[in-house]
Amino acid sequence: MVPTEVLAEQHYLAARSFLAGLEVTDSACIGGARPLEVALLTNRTTAVSGQGSKPSCGREPRLVVGTHALLTDNIRFRSLGVVVIDEQHRFGSSSARP
């Protein structure tokens, strides 16, 4: 989770690039695996968006990058494992302060 839509989009694009080609096991798919899905959620998106990519084998994304829109009541995570909050960009690094 990041404080601005611009930063969310940058992190989303970077994550998609870094994770391209990775697969996750999925018994619902032929071959037992599917590409790792990365999605973007901001106030401009009405639902978790894969930027035009449809979820493989009807499954949800494994990694969601977004703004505080991730904390709305209508967003539910089936199995949330890790949360990373990047607020340093908004308030600045403590080492950069006088």
PDB file of N, CA and C in Angstrom:
ATOM      1  N   MET A   1       0.845  -1.170   0.000  1.00  0.00           N
ATOM      2  CA  MET A   1       0.000   0.000   0.000  1.00  0.00           C
ATOM      3  C   MET A   1       0.888   1.230   0.000  1.00  0.00           C
ATOM      4  N   VAL A   2       0.582   2.158  -0.885  1.00  0.00           N
ATOM      5  CA  VAL A   2       1.360   3.380  -1.024  1.00  0.00           C
ATOM      6  C   VAL A   2       0.416   4.588  -0.955  1.00  0.00           C
ATOM      7  N   PRO A   3       0.953   5.779  -0.670  1.00  0.00           N
ATOM      8  CA  PRO A   3       0.094   6.938  -0.428  1.00  0.00           C
ATOM      9  C   PRO A   3      -0.500   7.607  -1.673  1.00  0.00           C
ATOM     10  N   THR A   4       0.022   7.379  -2.861  1.00  0.00           N
ATOM     11  CA  THR A   4      -0.503   8.066  -4.045  1.00  0.00           C
ATOM     12  C   THR A   4      -0.756   7.089  -5.185  1.00  0.00           C
ATOM     13  N   GLU A   5      -1.669   7.477  -6.091  1.00  0.00           N
ATOM     14  CA  GLU A   5      -1.971   6.638  -7.245  1.00  0.00           C
ATOM     15  C   GLU A   5      -0.768   6.515  -8.177  1.00  0.00           C
ATOM     16  N   VAL A   6      -0.024   7.587  -8.339  1.00  0.00           N
ATOM     17  CA  VAL A   6       1.155   7.556  -9.211  1.00  0.00           C
ATOM     18  C   VAL A   6       2.163   6.535  -8.688  1.00  0.00           C
ATOM     19  N   LEU A   7       2.417   6.560  -7.398  1.00  0.00           N
ATOM     20  CA  LEU A   7       3.352   5.607  -6.793  1.00  0.00           C
ATOM     21  C   LEU A   7       2.816   4.175  -6.897  1.00  0.00           C
ATOM     22  N   ALA A   8       1.513   3.999  -6.700  1.00  0.00           N
ATOM     23  CA  ALA A   8       0.910   2.667  -6.828  1.00  0.00           C
ATOM     24  C   ALA A   8       1.118   2.131  -8.242  1.00  0.00           C
ATOM     25  N   GLU A   9       0.895   2.967  -9.234  1.00  0.00           N
ATOM     26  CA  GLU A   9       1.077   2.536 -10.616  1.00  0.00           C
ATOM     27  C   GLU A   9       2.539   2.188 -10.901  1.00  0.00           C
ATOM     28  N   GLN A  10       3.465   2.976 -10.357  1.00  0.00           N
ATOM     29  CA  GLN A  10       4.892   2.690 -10.550  1.00  0.00           C
ATOM     30  C   GLN A  10       5.270   1.358  -9.908  1.00  0.00           C
ATOM     31  N   HIS A  11       4.826   1.127  -8.669  1.00  0.00           N
ATOM     32  CA  HIS A  11       5.118  -0.142  -7.982  1.00  0.00           C
ATOM     33  C   HIS A  11       4.467  -1.319  -8.708  1.00  0.00           C
ATOM     34  N   TYR A  12       3.252  -1.112  -9.188  1.00  0.00           N
ATOM     35  CA  TYR A  12       2.543  -2.163  -9.923  1.00  0.00           C
ATOM     36  C   TYR A  12       3.325  -2.575 -11.175  1.00  0.00           C
ATOM     37  N   LEU A  13       3.734  -1.586 -11.958  1.00  0.00           N
ATOM     38  CA  LEU A  13       4.490  -1.881 -13.183  1.00  0.00           C
ATOM     39  C   LEU A  13       5.826  -2.543 -12.873  1.00  0.00           C
ATOM     40  N   ALA A  14       6.495  -2.088 -11.824  1.00  0.00           N
ATOM     41  CA  ALA A  14       7.768  -2.702 -11.426  1.00  0.00           C
ATOM     42  C   ALA A  14       7.559  -4.148 -10.980  1.00  0.00           C
ATOM     43  N   ALA A  15       6.531  -4.397 -10.183  1.00  0.00           N
ATOM     44  CA  ALA A  15       6.257  -5.759  -9.701  1.00  0.00           C
ATOM     45  C   ALA A  15       5.938  -6.685 -10.872  1.00  0.00           C
ATOM     46  N   ARG A  16       5.121  -6.212 -11.806  1.00  0.00           N
ATOM     47  CA  ARG A  16       4.813  -7.037 -12.983  1.00  0.00           C
ATOM     48  C   ARG A  16       6.070  -7.376 -13.762  1.00  0.00           C
ATOM     49  N   SER A  17       6.963  -6.408 -13.893  1.00  0.00           N
ATOM     50  CA  SER A  17       8.206  -6.641 -14.622  1.00  0.00           C
ATOM     51  C   SER A  17       9.106  -7.639 -13.892  1.00  0.00           C
ATOM     52  N   PHE A  18       9.284  -7.437 -12.586  1.00  0.00           N
ATOM     53  CA  PHE A  18      10.152  -8.315 -11.796  1.00  0.00           C
ATOM     54  C   PHE A  18       9.625  -9.744 -11.729  1.00  0.00           C
ATOM     55  N   LEU A  19       8.306  -9.901 -11.685  1.00  0.00           N
ATOM     56  CA  LEU A  19       7.697 -11.212 -11.467  1.00  0.00           C
ATOM     57  C   LEU A  19       7.250 -11.903 -12.755  1.00  0.00           C
ATOM     58  N   ALA A  20       7.494 -11.269 -13.902  1.00  0.00           N
ATOM     59  CA  ALA A  20       7.093 -11.854 -15.184  1.00  0.00           C
ATOM     60  C   ALA A  20       7.718 -13.237 -15.344  1.00  0.00           C
ATOM     61  N   GLY A  21       6.904 -14.170 -15.755  1.00  0.00           N
ATOM     62  CA  GLY A  21       7.398 -15.526 -15.976  1.00  0.00           C
ATOM     63  C   GLY A  21       7.264 -16.453 -14.779  1.00  0.00           C
ATOM     64  N   LEU A  22       6.993 -15.908 -13.596  1.00  0.00           N
ATOM     65  CA  LEU A  22       6.812 -16.765 -12.419  1.00  0.00           C
ATOM     66  C   LEU A  22       5.433 -17.414 -12.450  1.00  0.00           C
ATOM     67  N   GLU A  23       5.364 -18.633 -11.950  1.00  0.00           N
ATOM     68  CA  GLU A  23       4.102 -19.353 -11.890  1.00  0.00           C
ATOM     69  C   GLU A  23       3.798 -19.767 -10.461  1.00  0.00           C
ATOM     70  N   VAL A  24       2.507 -19.952 -10.181  1.00  0.00           N
ATOM     71  CA  VAL A  24       2.058 -20.471  -8.889  1.00  0.00           C
ATOM     72  C   VAL A  24       1.293 -21.760  -9.152  1.00  0.00           C
ATOM     73  N   THR A  25       1.347 -22.686  -8.221  1.00  0.00           N
ATOM     74  CA  THR A  25       0.617 -23.931  -8.396  1.00  0.00           C
ATOM     75  C   THR A  25      -0.875 -23.669  -8.289  1.00  0.00           C
ATOM     76  N   ASP A  26      -1.637 -24.342  -9.137  1.00  0.00           N
ATOM     77  CA  ASP A  26      -3.086 -24.200  -9.158  1.00  0.00           C
ATOM     78  C   ASP A  26      -3.668 -25.459  -9.763  1.00  0.00           C
ATOM     79  N   SER A  27      -4.256 -26.298  -8.944  1.00  0.00           N
ATOM     80  CA  SER A  27      -4.789 -27.576  -9.416  1.00  0.00           C
ATOM     81  C   SER A  27      -5.985 -27.400 -10.350  1.00  0.00           C
ATOM     82  N   ALA A  28      -6.586 -26.205 -10.382  1.00  0.00           N
ATOM     83  CA  ALA A  28      -7.715 -25.951 -11.273  1.00  0.00           C
ATOM     84  C   ALA A  28      -7.265 -25.719 -12.713  1.00  0.00           C
ATOM     85  N   CYS A  29      -5.982 -25.533 -12.923  1.00  0.00           N
ATOM     86  CA  CYS A  29      -5.453 -25.255 -14.258  1.00  0.00           C
ATOM     87  C   CYS A  29      -4.862 -26.506 -14.880  1.00  0.00           C
ATOM     88  N   ILE A  30      -4.973 -26.586 -16.181  1.00  0.00           N
ATOM     89  CA  ILE A  30      -4.314 -27.679 -16.892  1.00  0.00           C
ATOM     90  C   ILE A  30      -2.816 -27.507 -16.713  1.00  0.00           C
ATOM     91  N   GLY A  31      -2.144 -28.532 -16.312  1.00  0.00           N
ATOM     92  CA  GLY A  31      -0.709 -28.458 -16.059  1.00  0.00           C
ATOM     93  C   GLY A  31      -0.392 -28.145 -14.605  1.00  0.00           C
ATOM     94  N   GLY A  32      -1.416 -27.782 -13.816  1.00  0.00           N
ATOM     95  CA  GLY A  32      -1.224 -27.572 -12.387  1.00  0.00           C
ATOM     96  C   GLY A  32      -0.561 -26.272 -11.976  1.00  0.00           C
ATOM     97  N   ALA A  33      -0.396 -25.329 -12.921  1.00  0.00           N
ATOM     98  CA  ALA A  33       0.232 -24.053 -12.580  1.00  0.00           C
ATOM     99  C   ALA A  33      -0.362 -22.950 -13.455  1.00  0.00           C
ATOM    100  N   ARG A  34      -0.208 -21.715 -12.998  1.00  0.00           N
ATOM    101  CA  ARG A  34      -0.660 -20.554 -13.758  1.00  0.00           C
ATOM    102  C   ARG A  34       0.294 -19.403 -13.508  1.00  0.00           C
ATOM    103  N   PRO A  35       0.291 -18.401 -14.382  1.00  0.00           N
ATOM    104  CA  PRO A  35       1.161 -17.247 -14.148  1.00  0.00           C
ATOM    105  C   PRO A  35       0.777 -16.518 -12.864  1.00  0.00           C
ATOM    106  N   LEU A  36       1.755 -15.999 -12.159  1.00  0.00           N
ATOM    107  CA  LEU A  36       1.490 -15.195 -10.963  1.00  0.00           C
ATOM    108  C   LEU A  36       0.828 -13.900 -11.411  1.00  0.00           C
ATOM    109  N   GLU A  37      -0.333 -13.600 -10.848  1.00  0.00           N
ATOM    110  CA  GLU A  37      -1.099 -12.417 -11.237  1.00  0.00           C
ATOM    111  C   GLU A  37      -0.785 -11.259 -10.300  1.00  0.00           C
ATOM    112  N   VAL A  38      -0.519 -10.084 -10.874  1.00  0.00           N
ATOM    113  CA  VAL A  38      -0.312  -8.853 -10.120  1.00  0.00           C
ATOM    114  C   VAL A  38      -1.439  -7.904 -10.509  1.00  0.00           C
ATOM    115  N   ALA A  39      -2.096  -7.288  -9.521  1.00  0.00           N
ATOM    116  CA  ALA A  39      -3.214  -6.389  -9.794  1.00  0.00           C
ATOM    117  C   ALA A  39      -2.984  -5.027  -9.161  1.00  0.00           C
ATOM    118  N   LEU A  40      -3.754  -4.051  -9.626  1.00  0.00           N
ATOM    119  CA  LEU A  40      -3.668  -2.674  -9.152  1.00  0.00           C
ATOM    120  C   LEU A  40      -5.025  -2.244  -8.624  1.00  0.00           C
ATOM    121  N   LEU A  41      -5.048  -1.607  -7.440  1.00  0.00           N
ATOM    122  CA  LEU A  41      -6.300  -1.089  -6.876  1.00  0.00           C
ATOM    123  C   LEU A  41      -6.057   0.314  -6.331  1.00  0.00           C
ATOM    124  N   THR A  42      -6.751   1.291  -6.924  1.00  0.00           N
ATOM    125  CA  THR A  42      -6.694   2.678  -6.459  1.00  0.00           C
ATOM    126  C   THR A  42      -8.120   3.221  -6.433  1.00  0.00           C
ATOM    127  N   ASN A  43      -8.286   4.475  -6.067  1.00  0.00           N
ATOM    128  CA  ASN A  43      -9.620   5.077  -6.080  1.00  0.00           C
ATOM    129  C   ASN A  43     -10.194   5.194  -7.486  1.00  0.00           C
ATOM    130  N   ARG A  44      -9.334   5.180  -8.508  1.00  0.00           N
ATOM    131  CA  ARG A  44      -9.806   5.258  -9.894  1.00  0.00           C
ATOM    132  C   ARG A  44     -10.296   3.923 -10.420  1.00  0.00           C
ATOM    133  N   THR A  45      -9.908   2.826  -9.793  1.00  0.00           N
ATOM    134  CA  THR A  45     -10.369   1.510 -10.241  1.00  0.00           C
ATOM    135  C   THR A  45     -11.539   1.088  -9.376  1.00  0.00           C
ATOM    136  N   THR A  46     -12.553   0.475  -9.981  1.00  0.00           N
ATOM    137  CA  THR A  46     -13.729   0.060  -9.228  1.00  0.00           C
ATOM    138  C   THR A  46     -13.579  -1.336  -8.644  1.00  0.00           C
ATOM    139  N   ALA A  47     -12.634  -2.097  -9.168  1.00  0.00           N
ATOM    140  CA  ALA A  47     -12.352  -3.446  -8.660  1.00  0.00           C
ATOM    141  C   ALA A  47     -10.884  -3.722  -8.905  1.00  0.00           C
ATOM    142  N   VAL A  48     -10.384  -4.778  -8.318  1.00  0.00           N
ATOM    143  CA  VAL A  48      -8.983  -5.116  -8.523  1.00  0.00           C
ATOM    144  C   VAL A  48      -8.759  -5.313 -10.011  1.00  0.00           C
ATOM    145  N   SER A  49      -7.828  -4.574 -10.553  1.00  0.00           N
ATOM    146  CA  SER A  49      -7.592  -4.550 -11.991  1.00  0.00           C
ATOM    147  C   SER A  49      -6.232  -5.149 -12.329  1.00  0.00           C
ATOM    148  N   GLY A  50      -6.227  -5.992 -13.322  1.00  0.00           N
ATOM    149  CA  GLY A  50      -4.979  -6.533 -13.842  1.00  0.00           C
ATOM    150  C   GLY A  50      -4.543  -5.796 -15.091  1.00  0.00           C
ATOM    151  N   GLN A  51      -5.056  -4.595 -15.269  1.00  0.00           N
ATOM    152  CA  GLN A  51      -4.732  -3.768 -16.437  1.00  0.00           C
ATOM    153  C   GLN A  51      -4.984  -4.528 -17.733  1.00  0.00           C
ATOM    154  N   GLY A  52      -6.184  -5.058 -17.870  1.00  0.00           N
ATOM    155  CA  GLY A  52      -6.559  -5.702 -19.118  1.00  0.00           C
ATOM    156  C   GLY A  52      -6.317  -7.196 -19.160  1.00  0.00           C
ATOM    157  N   SER A  53      -5.591  -7.737 -18.203  1.00  0.00           N
ATOM    158  CA  SER A  53      -5.360  -9.181 -18.221  1.00  0.00           C
ATOM    159  C   SER A  53      -6.460  -9.873 -17.425  1.00  0.00           C
ATOM    160  N   LYS A  54      -6.980 -10.952 -17.980  1.00  0.00           N
ATOM    161  CA  LYS A  54      -8.021 -11.704 -17.287  1.00  0.00           C
ATOM    162  C   LYS A  54      -7.360 -12.706 -16.347  1.00  0.00           C
ATOM    163  N   PRO A  55      -7.951 -12.922 -15.153  1.00  0.00           N
ATOM    164  CA  PRO A  55      -7.368 -13.897 -14.232  1.00  0.00           C
ATOM    165  C   PRO A  55      -7.283 -15.283 -14.871  1.00  0.00           C
ATOM    166  N   SER A  56      -6.166 -15.938 -14.747  1.00  0.00           N
ATOM    167  CA  SER A  56      -5.980 -17.279 -15.292  1.00  0.00           C
ATOM    168  C   SER A  56      -6.784 -18.282 -14.487  1.00  0.00           C
ATOM    169  N   CYS A  57      -7.453 -19.182 -15.176  1.00  0.00           N
ATOM    170  CA  CYS A  57      -8.220 -20.263 -14.554  1.00  0.00           C
ATOM    171  C   CYS A  57      -9.250 -19.723 -13.558  1.00  0.00           C
ATOM    172  N   GLY A  58      -9.705 -18.498 -13.748  1.00  0.00           N
ATOM    173  CA  GLY A  58     -10.745 -17.937 -12.896  1.00  0.00           C
ATOM    174  C   GLY A  58     -10.302 -17.619 -11.484  1.00  0.00           C
ATOM    175  N   ARG A  59      -9.016 -17.491 -11.238  1.00  0.00           N
ATOM    176  CA  ARG A  59      -8.506 -17.248  -9.894  1.00  0.00           C
ATOM    177  C   ARG A  59      -8.195 -15.777  -9.672  1.00  0.00           C
ATOM    178  N   GLU A  60      -8.089 -15.410  -8.415  1.00  0.00           N
ATOM    179  CA  GLU A  60      -7.776 -14.040  -8.044  1.00  0.00           C
ATOM    180  C   GLU A  60      -6.269 -13.801  -8.065  1.00  0.00           C
ATOM    181  N   PRO A  61      -5.843 -12.525  -8.159  1.00  0.00           N
ATOM    182  CA  PRO A  61      -4.403 -12.228  -8.150  1.00  0.00           C
ATOM    183  C   PRO A  61      -3.760 -12.606  -6.821  1.00  0.00           C
ATOM    184  N   ARG A  62      -2.481 -12.941  -6.869  1.00  0.00           N
ATOM    185  CA  ARG A  62      -1.725 -13.276  -5.662  1.00  0.00           C
ATOM    186  C   ARG A  62      -1.064 -12.063  -5.044  1.00  0.00           C
ATOM    187  N   LEU A  63      -0.857 -10.989  -5.839  1.00  0.00           N
ATOM    188  CA  LEU A  63      -0.212  -9.773  -5.351  1.00  0.00           C
ATOM    189  C   LEU A  63      -1.058  -8.586  -5.791  1.00  0.00           C
ATOM    190  N   VAL A  64      -1.439  -7.739  -4.823  1.00  0.00           N
ATOM    191  CA  VAL A  64      -2.229  -6.541  -5.123  1.00  0.00           C
ATOM    192  C   VAL A  64      -1.444  -5.332  -4.639  1.00  0.00           C
ATOM    193  N   VAL A  65      -1.234  -4.375  -5.538  1.00  0.00           N
ATOM    194  CA  VAL A  65      -0.572  -3.118  -5.230  1.00  0.00           C
ATOM    195  C   VAL A  65      -1.644  -2.041  -5.270  1.00  0.00           C
ATOM    196  N   GLY A  66      -1.665  -1.150  -4.263  1.00  0.00           N
ATOM    197  CA  GLY A  66      -2.686  -0.124  -4.291  1.00  0.00           C
ATOM    198  C   GLY A  66      -2.466   0.982  -3.289  1.00  0.00           C
ATOM    199  N   THR A  67      -3.440   1.875  -3.266  1.00  0.00           N
ATOM    200  CA  THR A  67      -3.451   2.997  -2.326  1.00  0.00           C
ATOM    201  C   THR A  67      -4.310   2.614  -1.129  1.00  0.00           C
ATOM    202  N   HIS A  68      -4.723   3.602  -0.363  1.00  0.00           N
ATOM    203  CA  HIS A  68      -5.589   3.352   0.790  1.00  0.00           C
ATOM    204  C   HIS A  68      -6.947   2.780   0.379  1.00  0.00           C
ATOM    205  N   ALA A  69      -7.225   2.734  -0.921  1.00  0.00           N
ATOM    206  CA  ALA A  69      -8.437   2.085  -1.420  1.00  0.00           C
ATOM    207  C   ALA A  69      -8.478   0.616  -1.009  1.00  0.00           C
ATOM    208  N   LEU A  70      -7.326   0.040  -0.696  1.00  0.00           N
ATOM    209  CA  LEU A  70      -7.264  -1.344  -0.231  1.00  0.00           C
ATOM    210  C   LEU A  70      -7.956  -1.538   1.115  1.00  0.00           C
ATOM    211  N   LEU A  71      -8.174  -0.441   1.844  1.00  0.00           N
ATOM    212  CA  LEU A  71      -8.740  -0.520   3.192  1.00  0.00           C
ATOM    213  C   LEU A  71     -10.239  -0.261   3.234  1.00  0.00           C
ATOM    214  N   THR A  72     -10.912  -0.188   2.099  1.00  0.00           N
ATOM    215  CA  THR A  72     -12.343   0.076   2.098  1.00  0.00           C
ATOM    216  C   THR A  72     -13.117  -1.164   2.531  1.00  0.00           C
ATOM    217  N   ASP A  73     -14.343  -0.954   2.991  1.00  0.00           N
ATOM    218  CA  ASP A  73     -15.166  -2.052   3.505  1.00  0.00           C
ATOM    219  C   ASP A  73     -15.501  -3.111   2.461  1.00  0.00           C
ATOM    220  N   ASN A  74     -15.582  -2.721   1.189  1.00  0.00           N
ATOM    221  CA  ASN A  74     -15.978  -3.694   0.168  1.00  0.00           C
ATOM    222  C   ASN A  74     -14.813  -4.530  -0.364  1.00  0.00           C
ATOM    223  N   ILE A  75     -13.599  -4.305   0.123  1.00  0.00           N
ATOM    224  CA  ILE A  75     -12.447  -5.107  -0.286  1.00  0.00           C
ATOM    225  C   ILE A  75     -12.210  -6.189   0.759  1.00  0.00           C
ATOM    226  N   ARG A  76     -12.235  -7.426   0.327  1.00  0.00           N
ATOM    227  CA  ARG A  76     -12.011  -8.571   1.210  1.00  0.00           C
ATOM    228  C   ARG A  76     -10.892  -9.423   0.635  1.00  0.00           C
ATOM    229  N   PHE A  77     -10.018  -9.884   1.503  1.00  0.00           N
ATOM    230  CA  PHE A  77      -8.932 -10.771   1.095  1.00  0.00           C
ATOM    231  C   PHE A  77      -9.219 -12.155   1.648  1.00  0.00           C
ATOM    232  N   ARG A  78      -9.163 -13.146   0.793  1.00  0.00           N
ATOM    233  CA  ARG A  78      -9.456 -14.513   1.204  1.00  0.00           C
ATOM    234  C   ARG A  78      -8.367 -15.070   2.110  1.00  0.00           C
ATOM    235  N   SER A  79      -7.112 -14.814   1.757  1.00  0.00           N
ATOM    236  CA  SER A  79      -5.995 -15.333   2.541  1.00  0.00           C
ATOM    237  C   SER A  79      -4.852 -14.324   2.455  1.00  0.00           C
ATOM    238  N   LEU A  80      -4.835 -13.372   3.359  1.00  0.00           N
ATOM    239  CA  LEU A  80      -3.827 -12.314   3.344  1.00  0.00           C
ATOM    240  C   LEU A  80      -2.602 -12.782   4.107  1.00  0.00           C
ATOM    241  N   GLY A  81      -1.455 -12.795   3.418  1.00  0.00           N
ATOM    242  CA  GLY A  81      -0.239 -13.301   4.035  1.00  0.00           C
ATOM    243  C   GLY A  81       0.716 -12.223   4.496  1.00  0.00           C
ATOM    244  N   VAL A  82       0.912 -11.193   3.681  1.00  0.00           N
ATOM    245  CA  VAL A  82       1.891 -10.154   3.991  1.00  0.00           C
ATOM    246  C   VAL A  82       1.316  -8.802   3.565  1.00  0.00           C
ATOM    247  N   VAL A  83       1.553  -7.783   4.389  1.00  0.00           N
ATOM    248  CA  VAL A  83       1.159  -6.418   4.060  1.00  0.00           C
ATOM    249  C   VAL A  83       2.403  -5.544   4.139  1.00  0.00           C
ATOM    250  N   VAL A  84       2.646  -4.765   3.084  1.00  0.00           N
ATOM    251  CA  VAL A  84       3.767  -3.829   3.069  1.00  0.00           C
ATOM    252  C   VAL A  84       3.181  -2.437   2.870  1.00  0.00           C
ATOM    253  N   ILE A  85       3.491  -1.531   3.794  1.00  0.00           N
ATOM    254  CA  ILE A  85       2.987  -0.163   3.717  1.00  0.00           C
ATOM    255  C   ILE A  85       4.166   0.766   3.492  1.00  0.00           C
ATOM    256  N   ASP A  86       4.114   1.523   2.390  1.00  0.00           N
ATOM    257  CA  ASP A  86       5.184   2.444   2.029  1.00  0.00           C
ATOM    258  C   ASP A  86       4.701   3.867   2.277  1.00  0.00           C
ATOM    259  N   GLU A  87       4.983   4.416   3.432  1.00  0.00           N
ATOM    260  CA  GLU A  87       4.617   5.793   3.756  1.00  0.00           C
ATOM    261  C   GLU A  87       5.826   6.712   3.714  1.00  0.00           C
ATOM    262  N   GLN A  88       7.011   6.177   3.504  1.00  0.00           N
ATOM    263  CA  GLN A  88       8.224   6.989   3.508  1.00  0.00           C
ATOM    264  C   GLN A  88       8.175   8.063   2.428  1.00  0.00           C
ATOM    265  N   HIS A  89       7.562   7.764   1.293  1.00  0.00           N
ATOM    266  CA  HIS A  89       7.495   8.735   0.206  1.00  0.00           C
ATOM    267  C   HIS A  89       6.664   9.954   0.596  1.00  0.00           C
ATOM    268  N   ARG A  90       5.688   9.772   1.467  1.00  0.00           N
ATOM    269  CA  ARG A  90       4.844  10.890   1.868  1.00  0.00           C
ATOM    270  C   ARG A  90       5.524  11.744   2.932  1.00  0.00           C
ATOM    271  N   PHE A  91       6.141  11.126   3.920  1.00  0.00           N
ATOM    272  CA  PHE A  91       6.684  11.863   5.060  1.00  0.00           C
ATOM    273  C   PHE A  91       8.185  12.089   4.982  1.00  0.00           C
ATOM    274  N   GLY A  92       8.847  11.417   4.069  1.00  0.00           N
ATOM    275  CA  GLY A  92      10.297  11.587   3.937  1.00  0.00           C
ATOM    276  C   GLY A  92      11.067  10.669   4.849  1.00  0.00           C
ATOM    277  N   SER A  93      12.273  10.401   4.475  1.00  0.00           N
ATOM    278  CA  SER A  93      13.153   9.530   5.255  1.00  0.00           C
ATOM    279  C   SER A  93      13.638  10.247   6.503  1.00  0.00           C
ATOM    280  N   SER A  94      13.716   9.521   7.597  1.00  0.00           N
ATOM    281  CA  SER A  94      14.202  10.135   8.842  1.00  0.00           C
ATOM    282  C   SER A  94      15.666  10.538   8.711  1.00  0.00           C
ATOM    283  N   SER A  95      16.433   9.842   7.867  1.00  0.00           N
ATOM    284  CA  SER A  95      17.839  10.196   7.693  1.00  0.00           C
ATOM    285  C   SER A  95      18.005  11.476   6.880  1.00  0.00           C
ATOM    286  N   ALA A  96      16.957  11.899   6.168  1.00  0.00           N
ATOM    287  CA  ALA A  96      17.052  13.114   5.353  1.00  0.00           C
ATOM    288  C   ALA A  96      16.688  14.381   6.152  1.00  0.00           C
ATOM    289  N   ARG A  97      16.186  14.187   7.358  1.00  0.00           N
ATOM    290  CA  ARG A  97      15.805  15.338   8.181  1.00  0.00           C
ATOM    291  C   ARG A  97      17.018  15.901   8.919  1.00  0.00           C
ATOM    292  N   PRO A  98      17.035  17.229   9.097  1.00  0.00           N
ATOM    293  CA  PRO A  98      18.180  17.837   9.791  1.00  0.00           C
ATOM    294  C   PRO A  98      18.274  17.467  11.254  1.00  0.00           C
TER     295      PRO A  98
END
